[in-house]
Each structure stands twice: as C-alpha cells, then as structure tokens.
Amino acid sequence: MKHLLIHTMFRNCLILLFFILPLNVSAIEVENLYSAKVAVDSQSVGDRNQALKNALRAILVKVGGKKIEHPGITQAIKNYNKYVTQYQYIRQDNRTLLNVSFDEAKINRLFKENDLAIWGRLRPQVMVWLIEEEGFERKIISATSSSLLPNTIHDFSQLRGLPLVMPIMDLTDLTALTVSDLWGRFSQPVAQASARYMAEAVVVIRVSNSSLLTVDDAAIECPLCQQHKLAVDWSLMTDAQSEHAQVFSEQYLGDDVNELLVNALSDITDIIYQQYALSTTNSNEFEIDVANISSLAELIAVSEFLSELSAVQSVQLVSVKGTNRRFKLSLIGSQQALFASLKLSAQLNRYIDPLAEREGSDQVPVFYWGKK
C-alpha cells in the first residue's frame, strides 16, 4: 500500500489560493466527454456488462470532475443500460477495449436530479512540465519522450477530461528553460517557457529516486522516506503567461511511479475543478448587460451562447436600450462559476469599469459580444 502525505487542510488552502489568483483565457472544448474506452476481458455477456458499468463510472467522474459517492450514482450504475447509446469492440495497444457512448441529456439530468455538481465541456488547458531524477541525472520529459510517463499523463487527461499539454522540447524550449530552472521551480523562466503553449495554468512535477528522498533528519522529518523508492511533488502556477505565486504540494511517496503521478494529477485536477464546477443546489438569478447587439441575428446568437453555458439554466431578455441588451440568467451554481466559464470564452468580453468599486458592488456587469 502506497503512502500519500497530502492533508485535507493543506488542500483546502491550495483551493482557496487558487480562487484568489487570476487566470488567463485559454480553454479547450473537451471532445468525447460522454464516451469512454475501457478494457474488457472477452466479448461474453458478463464481461461486456461489467465493462459497460466501468465505462459509466468513468463518464460520471469525467462529467462530475471527481469520484462521487452518492445513492443516486450507485443506482445509476446498476441501471447502466438506461444511459448507453452505443458501444463497439476495438483493438488498441494489443488490448481489447469497449468504446461506449452515453446519452448526454440523461447523464446531465442524473446530476441535476441528485443536486450534484457538473463540469462543462469548456475546460482550462494545463501545461505539464515533468522532470525526472534518477541518481545524479535529471531530465525533462517531453511529449515525445521514450518514457512511459507521457502515456500516463495522456491517459489521465482522457479519463478526467482535463486538457493537459506537455512540452515538445525543441530548440525554443531548450533555449528558454534549463533543467536547473525547472528542478528549482523558478517562476520566471518557467512562465516564459510556458507562454508559447497558451495554457491557463502551469504545473511542474518532479519525480525522484534520490535527492527528494534524502533528508538530513529522516527519522524525524520524513520517517517514511527510507521505506520507499520514489518521491513525487508538484508546484502549481495559476497563470501561464506571467509570474504569479506558486503553490506547492507535499511529497507523494511510494514505489510505483505511475500511481504516484496519477495521485498528483488527481489532486491538481481537484483544485482546478473547484473553480469551474457548477453546484446544482445553488440556483439563483443574475443579470448581465451585453452592450453591442445591433441586429436580431446577434441577439439570437448571444441568447443561444448564454443558454449553452453549463452554468446557465435559462436566459430571459429583460430590457433593451439602444444596442444594449439586459439578460436575466437563472444560474446553476454561483456567479463565480459563471464568470469562470465566461473567462474561458473569447466571445463575450467583460468590460471592467474602474469606478465600479467606488460606486458600489451592485453594478450590473457589462460584456461585449465578440462579432465574427
């Protein structure tokens, strides 16, 4: 059994800090959010049914953003056939997989009926710098490295629906960043090297079988370090385009590098998820102004755009003044979740009035429609 030294209080502090720090706009619309590929032992009815259940479990984690323990979810897994739309057997990497698609509307309804949070299709892209230390040698793992770790990161990205990108380590990357910069987690060179990848957040993950396991007072400070072969830790920078404060994890100790890496990525995903997940229990109404709508076609386009946001349950036009249109939005979740979703879109750009803070907090936020 592997030991994981991450404390609940520490994670909550990270989540709070993540809320406070600003985010840049860079998002990916996740494809195949309601489909999953799972291993299947054979094409027998029993093995197929078990694979269908496993696929549904994977989808519920991907849509919900985390593993959910809830009676409604347990019942849904028992009634898995209710949600399946199609499946097919495929061969991949010398394995037989079942590729399963599920009914999006029914899955979303399941979450809403059980007051469970939903993570929408539009998700932040995360830059992953992975550096591995073996003895006295340190190397940066690229997307095309012969190491198996990029496959672990890719599989995790597909499983959790979080867009993860790794460096290509071409001449540009090699010029911008040294191994020492990355191992030392120096924010300036890491931010500068990450800028070309246009990610929303940057994470540096260190994997070590040597120096991270060496502690001067091991018996006092790290009694478990001497029992394991590997240590993993990470730092998170919430703005890939500039230098902002990083948050740092404690160590993950164990013997299986893939398991440690998945544990680290899971905790990082949980932090990011807290920013964007939409609680269905906190429905409220909220008004916004869109200031440059000059035609019926644009009005329809804006209304449809707002209606499709995961944070929005319904949209109502409440007033018209010149080219300004005021909309009342019935939200699923908080205003913070709405603004987080809008930050990931280039179509509605918010106008920040520098006098708004002086005038009070009751100002209706103003957005401009990004005309194509």
Protein backbone atom coordinates (compact mmCIF):
# COMPACT_ATOMS: atom_id res chain seq x y z
CA MET A 1 0.00 0.00 0.00
CA LYS A 2 1.42 3.34 -1.02
CA HIS A 3 1.53 6.23 1.43
CA LEU A 4 0.27 9.65 0.39
CA LEU A 5 1.20 12.66 2.51
CA ILE A 6 -1.46 15.16 1.49
CA HIS A 7 -3.59 16.68 4.20
CA THR A 8 -7.16 17.94 3.83
CA MET A 9 -6.36 21.28 5.44
CA PHE A 10 -3.41 21.78 3.09
CA ARG A 11 -5.58 21.00 0.05
CA ASN A 12 -8.27 23.44 1.19
CA CYS A 13 -5.65 26.17 1.50
CA LEU A 14 -4.49 25.44 -2.04
CA ILE A 15 -8.07 25.63 -3.32
CA LEU A 16 -8.60 28.98 -1.59
CA LEU A 17 -5.37 30.35 -3.05
CA PHE A 18 -6.35 29.11 -6.49
CA PHE A 19 -9.62 31.07 -6.24
CA ILE A 20 -7.77 34.26 -5.35
CA LEU A 21 -5.13 34.21 -8.06
CA PRO A 22 -6.09 35.48 -11.55
CA LEU A 23 -6.44 33.23 -14.58
CA ASN A 24 -5.66 33.92 -18.21
CA VAL A 25 -8.01 32.94 -21.01
CA SER A 26 -7.04 29.67 -22.64
CA ALA A 27 -9.50 26.85 -22.81
CA ILE A 28 -10.25 23.67 -24.69
CA GLU A 29 -13.66 22.30 -25.53
CA VAL A 30 -13.38 18.70 -24.39
CA GLU A 31 -14.42 16.21 -27.03
CA ASN A 32 -15.92 12.80 -26.31
CA LEU A 33 -16.95 13.95 -22.85
CA TYR A 34 -19.75 11.38 -22.80
CA SER A 35 -17.82 8.44 -24.18
CA ALA A 36 -15.17 6.16 -22.69
CA LYS A 37 -12.87 3.31 -23.69
CA VAL A 38 -12.47 0.57 -21.10
CA ALA A 39 -10.67 -2.76 -21.06
CA VAL A 40 -12.79 -5.86 -21.50
CA ASP A 41 -11.63 -9.43 -20.89
CA SER A 42 -13.79 -11.02 -23.58
CA GLN A 43 -16.90 -10.47 -25.66
CA SER A 44 -19.03 -12.56 -23.35
CA VAL A 45 -22.23 -11.02 -21.99
CA GLY A 46 -20.92 -10.96 -18.43
CA ASP A 47 -17.63 -9.26 -19.30
CA ARG A 48 -19.39 -6.80 -21.59
CA ASN A 49 -21.89 -5.78 -18.91
CA GLN A 50 -19.08 -5.26 -16.39
CA ALA A 51 -17.20 -3.13 -18.94
CA LEU A 52 -20.34 -1.03 -19.55
CA LYS A 53 -20.59 -0.36 -15.82
CA ASN A 54 -16.91 0.58 -15.69
CA ALA A 55 -17.39 2.93 -18.65
CA LEU A 56 -20.31 4.65 -16.94
CA ARG A 57 -18.24 5.08 -13.77
CA ALA A 58 -15.52 6.72 -15.86
CA ILE A 59 -18.01 9.07 -17.51
CA LEU A 60 -19.52 10.11 -14.19
CA VAL A 61 -16.04 11.02 -12.92
CA LYS A 62 -15.26 12.93 -16.11
CA VAL A 63 -18.55 14.89 -16.16
CA GLY A 64 -18.65 15.39 -12.40
CA GLY A 65 -14.96 16.27 -12.14
CA LYS A 66 -14.30 13.83 -9.29
CA LYS A 67 -15.35 10.45 -7.92
CA ILE A 68 -18.83 10.79 -6.44
CA GLU A 69 -20.22 8.75 -3.58
CA HIS A 70 -24.00 9.18 -3.77
CA PRO A 71 -27.01 6.82 -3.69
CA GLY A 72 -28.29 8.24 -6.98
CA ILE A 73 -24.97 7.49 -8.69
CA THR A 74 -24.89 3.98 -7.22
CA GLN A 75 -28.39 3.33 -8.56
CA ALA A 76 -27.48 4.74 -11.98
CA ILE A 77 -24.54 2.34 -12.29
CA LYS A 78 -26.88 -0.56 -11.53
CA ASN A 79 -29.16 0.69 -14.33
CA TYR A 80 -26.25 1.38 -16.72
CA ASN A 81 -28.18 0.25 -19.83
CA LYS A 82 -30.53 3.20 -19.39
CA TYR A 83 -27.69 5.58 -20.28
CA VAL A 84 -25.86 3.66 -23.03
CA THR A 85 -26.46 4.81 -26.61
CA GLN A 86 -23.95 2.61 -28.44
CA TYR A 87 -20.82 0.51 -27.96
CA GLN A 88 -18.26 -1.32 -30.08
CA TYR A 89 -15.23 -3.53 -29.52
CA ILE A 90 -11.88 -2.16 -30.69
CA ARG A 91 -8.25 -3.31 -30.59
CA GLN A 92 -5.71 -0.85 -29.22
CA ASP A 93 -2.15 -1.46 -27.97
CA ASN A 94 -2.70 -5.22 -28.15
CA ARG A 95 -5.73 -4.94 -25.89
CA THR A 96 -9.44 -5.39 -26.46
CA LEU A 97 -11.40 -2.31 -25.44
CA LEU A 98 -15.07 -1.46 -25.34
CA ASN A 99 -15.76 2.00 -26.74
CA VAL A 100 -19.01 3.19 -25.13
CA SER A 101 -21.10 6.33 -25.78
CA PHE A 102 -23.70 7.59 -23.32
CA ASP A 103 -26.77 9.83 -23.55
CA GLU A 104 -25.65 13.35 -22.67
CA ALA A 105 -29.09 14.63 -21.72
CA LYS A 106 -29.77 11.68 -19.41
CA ILE A 107 -26.37 11.98 -17.71
CA ASN A 108 -26.87 15.71 -17.11
CA ARG A 109 -30.40 15.07 -15.83
CA LEU A 110 -28.99 12.47 -13.42
CA PHE A 111 -26.65 15.08 -11.93
CA LYS A 112 -29.32 17.76 -11.67
CA GLU A 113 -31.92 15.47 -10.13
CA ASN A 114 -29.44 14.48 -7.43
CA ASP A 115 -28.13 18.03 -6.87
CA LEU A 116 -24.62 17.09 -7.99
CA ALA A 117 -22.07 19.43 -9.49
CA ILE A 118 -21.38 19.35 -13.25
CA TRP A 119 -18.18 20.33 -15.06
CA GLY A 120 -18.93 21.74 -18.52
CA ARG A 121 -17.25 20.94 -21.84
CA LEU A 122 -15.13 24.12 -21.82
CA ARG A 123 -12.14 23.41 -19.59
CA PRO A 124 -8.82 25.11 -18.86
CA GLN A 125 -5.71 23.81 -20.57
CA VAL A 126 -2.89 22.90 -18.18
CA MET A 127 0.80 22.89 -19.10
CA VAL A 128 2.70 19.99 -17.52
CA TRP A 129 6.45 20.19 -17.06
CA LEU A 130 7.67 16.81 -15.87
CA ILE A 131 11.26 16.39 -14.69
CA GLU A 132 12.66 13.02 -13.65
CA GLU A 133 15.69 12.45 -11.43
CA GLU A 134 17.49 9.12 -11.44
CA GLY A 135 20.55 9.12 -9.22
CA PHE A 136 22.66 12.10 -10.29
CA GLU A 137 20.92 12.57 -13.64
CA ARG A 138 17.92 14.83 -14.23
CA LYS A 139 15.98 15.06 -17.49
CA ILE A 140 12.92 16.88 -18.75
CA ILE A 141 10.28 14.52 -20.12
CA SER A 142 8.82 15.74 -23.41
CA ALA A 143 5.58 14.80 -25.13
CA THR A 144 7.56 12.52 -27.47
CA SER A 145 9.91 11.06 -24.87
CA SER A 146 10.63 7.33 -24.87
CA SER A 147 9.48 7.32 -21.24
CA LEU A 148 6.10 5.79 -20.49
CA LEU A 149 5.13 8.74 -18.28
CA PRO A 150 3.66 10.83 -21.15
CA ASN A 151 1.27 7.93 -21.78
CA THR A 152 0.21 8.05 -18.13
CA ILE A 153 -0.46 11.78 -18.44
CA HIS A 154 -2.36 11.32 -21.73
CA ASP A 155 -4.49 8.52 -20.28
CA PHE A 156 -5.27 10.62 -17.21
CA SER A 157 -6.23 13.57 -19.42
CA GLN A 158 -8.66 11.37 -21.34
CA LEU A 159 -10.05 9.77 -18.19
CA ARG A 160 -10.69 13.01 -16.29
CA GLY A 161 -11.43 15.28 -19.24
CA LEU A 162 -8.75 17.80 -18.27
CA PRO A 163 -6.71 19.10 -21.23
CA LEU A 164 -3.04 18.51 -20.40
CA VAL A 165 -0.20 19.54 -22.71
CA MET A 166 3.48 18.62 -22.41
CA PRO A 167 6.45 20.45 -23.95
CA ILE A 168 7.92 19.34 -27.25
CA MET A 169 11.43 20.28 -26.06
CA ASP A 170 12.57 21.71 -29.38
CA LEU A 171 15.29 24.36 -29.71
CA THR A 172 12.91 27.06 -28.43
CA ASP A 173 12.18 25.16 -25.23
CA LEU A 174 15.82 24.19 -24.71
CA THR A 175 16.86 27.83 -25.09
CA ALA A 176 14.15 29.16 -22.77
CA LEU A 177 14.50 26.73 -19.89
CA THR A 178 17.26 24.72 -18.25
CA VAL A 179 16.99 21.57 -16.19
CA SER A 180 18.10 23.58 -13.15
CA ASP A 181 15.38 26.18 -13.75
CA LEU A 182 12.75 23.50 -13.78
CA TRP A 183 14.07 21.49 -10.86
CA GLY A 184 14.35 24.67 -8.81
CA ARG A 185 10.82 25.63 -9.91
CA PHE A 186 11.90 29.20 -10.69
CA SER A 187 8.74 31.02 -11.71
CA GLN A 188 10.18 33.48 -14.25
CA PRO A 189 11.84 31.05 -16.70
CA VAL A 190 9.03 28.51 -16.24
CA ALA A 191 6.41 31.16 -17.05
CA GLN A 192 8.38 32.44 -20.05
CA ALA A 193 8.93 28.96 -21.46
CA SER A 194 5.24 28.12 -20.97
CA ALA A 195 3.92 31.22 -22.73
CA ARG A 196 4.13 29.68 -26.22
CA TYR A 197 1.76 26.87 -25.19
CA MET A 198 -1.05 29.28 -24.24
CA ALA A 199 -2.17 27.22 -21.27
CA GLU A 200 -4.25 28.58 -18.43
CA ALA A 201 -2.19 27.03 -15.64
CA VAL A 202 1.28 25.53 -15.33
CA VAL A 203 2.32 22.62 -13.15
CA VAL A 204 5.86 21.40 -12.53
CA ILE A 205 6.02 17.77 -11.40
CA ARG A 206 9.27 16.35 -10.01
CA VAL A 207 9.90 12.60 -9.87
CA SER A 208 12.93 11.40 -7.94
CA ASN A 209 14.58 8.23 -6.68
CA SER A 210 17.39 10.12 -4.95
CA SER A 211 17.58 13.71 -3.69
CA LEU A 212 13.90 14.12 -2.79
CA LEU A 213 14.24 11.01 -0.64
CA THR A 214 17.33 12.32 1.15
CA VAL A 215 16.52 14.15 4.37
CA ASP A 216 19.11 15.18 6.97
CA ASP A 217 16.93 14.24 9.91
CA ALA A 218 14.97 11.50 8.15
CA ALA A 219 13.87 9.80 11.33
CA ILE A 220 12.21 13.00 12.50
CA GLU A 221 11.12 14.87 9.39
CA CYS A 222 10.40 12.08 6.92
CA PRO A 223 10.27 8.64 8.59
CA LEU A 224 8.59 7.12 5.51
CA CYS A 225 11.23 8.38 3.05
CA GLN A 226 13.58 5.48 3.77
CA GLN A 227 10.80 2.91 3.18
CA HIS A 228 10.12 3.85 -0.45
CA LYS A 229 11.97 4.06 -3.72
CA LEU A 230 10.31 7.15 -5.23
CA ALA A 231 9.12 10.61 -4.29
CA VAL A 232 6.90 12.92 -6.35
CA ASP A 233 5.92 16.52 -5.69
CA TRP A 234 4.45 19.37 -7.72
CA SER A 235 4.06 23.13 -7.87
CA LEU A 236 1.14 24.93 -9.49
CA MET A 237 1.31 28.31 -11.20
CA THR A 238 -2.15 29.59 -11.99
CA ASP A 239 -1.12 31.94 -14.79
CA ALA A 240 0.99 30.54 -17.61
CA GLN A 241 1.61 33.93 -19.22
CA SER A 242 3.18 35.80 -16.33
CA GLU A 243 4.78 35.33 -12.95
CA HIS A 244 2.34 34.66 -10.15
CA ALA A 245 2.85 32.94 -6.82
CA GLN A 246 3.14 29.21 -6.95
CA VAL A 247 1.54 26.73 -4.59
CA PHE A 248 3.49 23.66 -3.59
CA SER A 249 2.44 20.14 -2.68
CA GLU A 250 3.89 17.88 -0.05
CA GLN A 251 5.56 14.68 -1.13
CA TYR A 252 3.89 11.58 -2.52
CA LEU A 253 5.94 8.53 -1.53
CA GLY A 254 5.79 5.04 -2.97
CA ASP A 255 7.27 2.52 -5.36
CA ASP A 256 5.01 2.83 -8.43
CA VAL A 257 5.76 5.99 -10.42
CA ASN A 258 2.55 5.75 -12.45
CA GLU A 259 0.41 5.51 -9.32
CA LEU A 260 2.21 8.46 -7.71
CA LEU A 261 1.84 10.53 -10.87
CA VAL A 262 -1.89 9.78 -11.10
CA ASN A 263 -2.32 10.70 -7.43
CA ALA A 264 -0.56 14.01 -8.03
CA LEU A 265 -2.60 14.77 -11.16
CA SER A 266 -5.81 13.88 -9.32
CA ASP A 267 -5.11 16.42 -6.59
CA ILE A 268 -4.21 19.08 -9.16
CA THR A 269 -7.44 18.34 -11.04
CA ASP A 270 -9.47 18.59 -7.84
CA ILE A 271 -8.11 22.09 -7.22
CA ILE A 272 -8.90 23.24 -10.76
CA TYR A 273 -12.30 21.54 -10.63
CA GLN A 274 -13.32 23.59 -7.59
CA GLN A 275 -13.03 26.74 -9.70
CA TYR A 276 -15.30 25.60 -12.51
CA ALA A 277 -17.71 23.01 -11.13
CA LEU A 278 -21.34 24.03 -11.04
CA SER A 279 -23.32 23.22 -7.93
CA THR A 280 -26.90 22.43 -8.90
CA THR A 281 -28.10 23.21 -5.37
CA ASN A 282 -27.37 26.92 -5.53
CA SER A 283 -29.76 28.14 -8.21
CA ASN A 284 -30.09 31.92 -8.35
CA GLU A 285 -30.86 34.72 -10.76
CA PHE A 286 -28.27 37.10 -12.09
CA GLU A 287 -28.35 39.95 -14.65
CA ILE A 288 -25.76 40.96 -17.21
CA ASP A 289 -25.64 43.60 -19.96
CA VAL A 290 -24.36 42.87 -23.45
CA ALA A 291 -23.56 46.25 -24.94
CA ASN A 292 -23.11 45.96 -28.71
CA ILE A 293 -26.04 43.97 -30.12
CA SER A 294 -27.27 45.75 -33.24
CA SER A 295 -29.34 43.10 -35.04
CA LEU A 296 -31.83 40.32 -34.41
CA ALA A 297 -29.27 37.77 -35.62
CA GLU A 298 -26.79 38.94 -32.99
CA LEU A 299 -29.47 38.87 -30.30
CA ILE A 300 -30.29 35.26 -31.18
CA ALA A 301 -26.60 34.34 -31.26
CA VAL A 302 -25.96 35.85 -27.80
CA SER A 303 -29.06 34.19 -26.35
CA GLU A 304 -28.03 30.80 -27.70
CA PHE A 305 -24.47 31.28 -26.46
CA LEU A 306 -25.66 32.08 -22.94
CA SER A 307 -28.15 29.20 -22.95
CA GLU A 308 -25.41 26.72 -23.83
CA LEU A 309 -23.20 27.70 -20.90
CA SER A 310 -23.04 24.93 -18.31
CA ALA A 311 -23.56 27.47 -15.53
CA VAL A 312 -26.82 28.76 -17.03
CA GLN A 313 -30.18 27.05 -16.65
CA SER A 314 -32.31 29.60 -18.53
CA VAL A 315 -31.99 33.01 -20.23
CA GLN A 316 -34.53 35.82 -20.39
CA LEU A 317 -34.24 39.16 -22.20
CA VAL A 318 -35.49 41.80 -19.75
CA SER A 319 -34.66 45.19 -21.32
CA VAL A 320 -33.48 46.92 -24.48
CA LYS A 321 -31.74 50.29 -24.63
CA GLY A 322 -30.01 51.26 -27.87
CA THR A 323 -27.60 48.46 -28.67
CA ASN A 324 -27.57 47.34 -25.05
CA ARG A 325 -29.48 44.19 -24.06
CA ARG A 326 -30.01 43.13 -20.46
CA PHE A 327 -30.42 39.41 -19.77
CA LYS A 328 -31.64 37.67 -16.64
CA LEU A 329 -29.83 34.39 -16.16
CA SER A 330 -31.07 31.59 -13.95
CA LEU A 331 -27.83 30.05 -12.75
CA ILE A 332 -26.87 26.53 -11.80
CA GLY A 333 -24.39 27.31 -9.08
CA SER A 334 -22.64 30.54 -8.19
CA GLN A 335 -21.85 33.74 -10.05
CA GLN A 336 -18.21 32.80 -9.60
CA ALA A 337 -18.75 29.63 -11.64
CA LEU A 338 -20.43 31.70 -14.36
CA PHE A 339 -17.54 34.17 -14.55
CA ALA A 340 -15.06 31.29 -14.60
CA SER A 341 -16.89 29.81 -17.60
CA LEU A 342 -17.01 33.16 -19.38
CA LYS A 343 -13.29 33.71 -18.82
CA LEU A 344 -12.68 30.60 -20.89
CA SER A 345 -14.60 32.00 -23.85
CA ALA A 346 -13.45 34.65 -26.31
CA GLN A 347 -16.98 35.51 -27.49
CA LEU A 348 -18.10 37.57 -24.51
CA ASN A 349 -15.53 40.01 -23.17
CA ARG A 350 -16.21 41.73 -19.89
CA TYR A 351 -15.80 45.48 -19.52
CA ILE A 352 -14.36 46.43 -16.12
CA ASP A 353 -15.39 49.91 -15.01
CA PRO A 354 -12.52 51.38 -12.93
CA LEU A 355 -15.09 53.42 -10.96
CA ALA A 356 -17.32 50.45 -10.18
CA GLU A 357 -15.60 49.70 -6.88
CA ARG A 358 -16.20 53.27 -5.75
CA GLU A 359 -19.80 53.22 -6.89
CA GLY A 360 -20.67 50.00 -5.10
CA SER A 361 -20.91 46.27 -5.78
CA ASP A 362 -24.46 46.30 -7.18
CA GLN A 363 -23.39 47.28 -10.69
CA VAL A 364 -24.68 45.01 -13.46
CA PRO A 365 -21.63 43.56 -15.23
CA VAL A 366 -21.20 44.67 -18.85
CA PHE A 367 -19.96 42.41 -21.65
CA TYR A 368 -19.21 42.95 -25.34
CA TRP A 369 -20.14 40.37 -27.94
CA GLY A 370 -17.17 39.17 -29.98
CA LYS A 371 -18.53 39.61 -33.52
CA LYS A 372 -17.05 37.31 -36.15
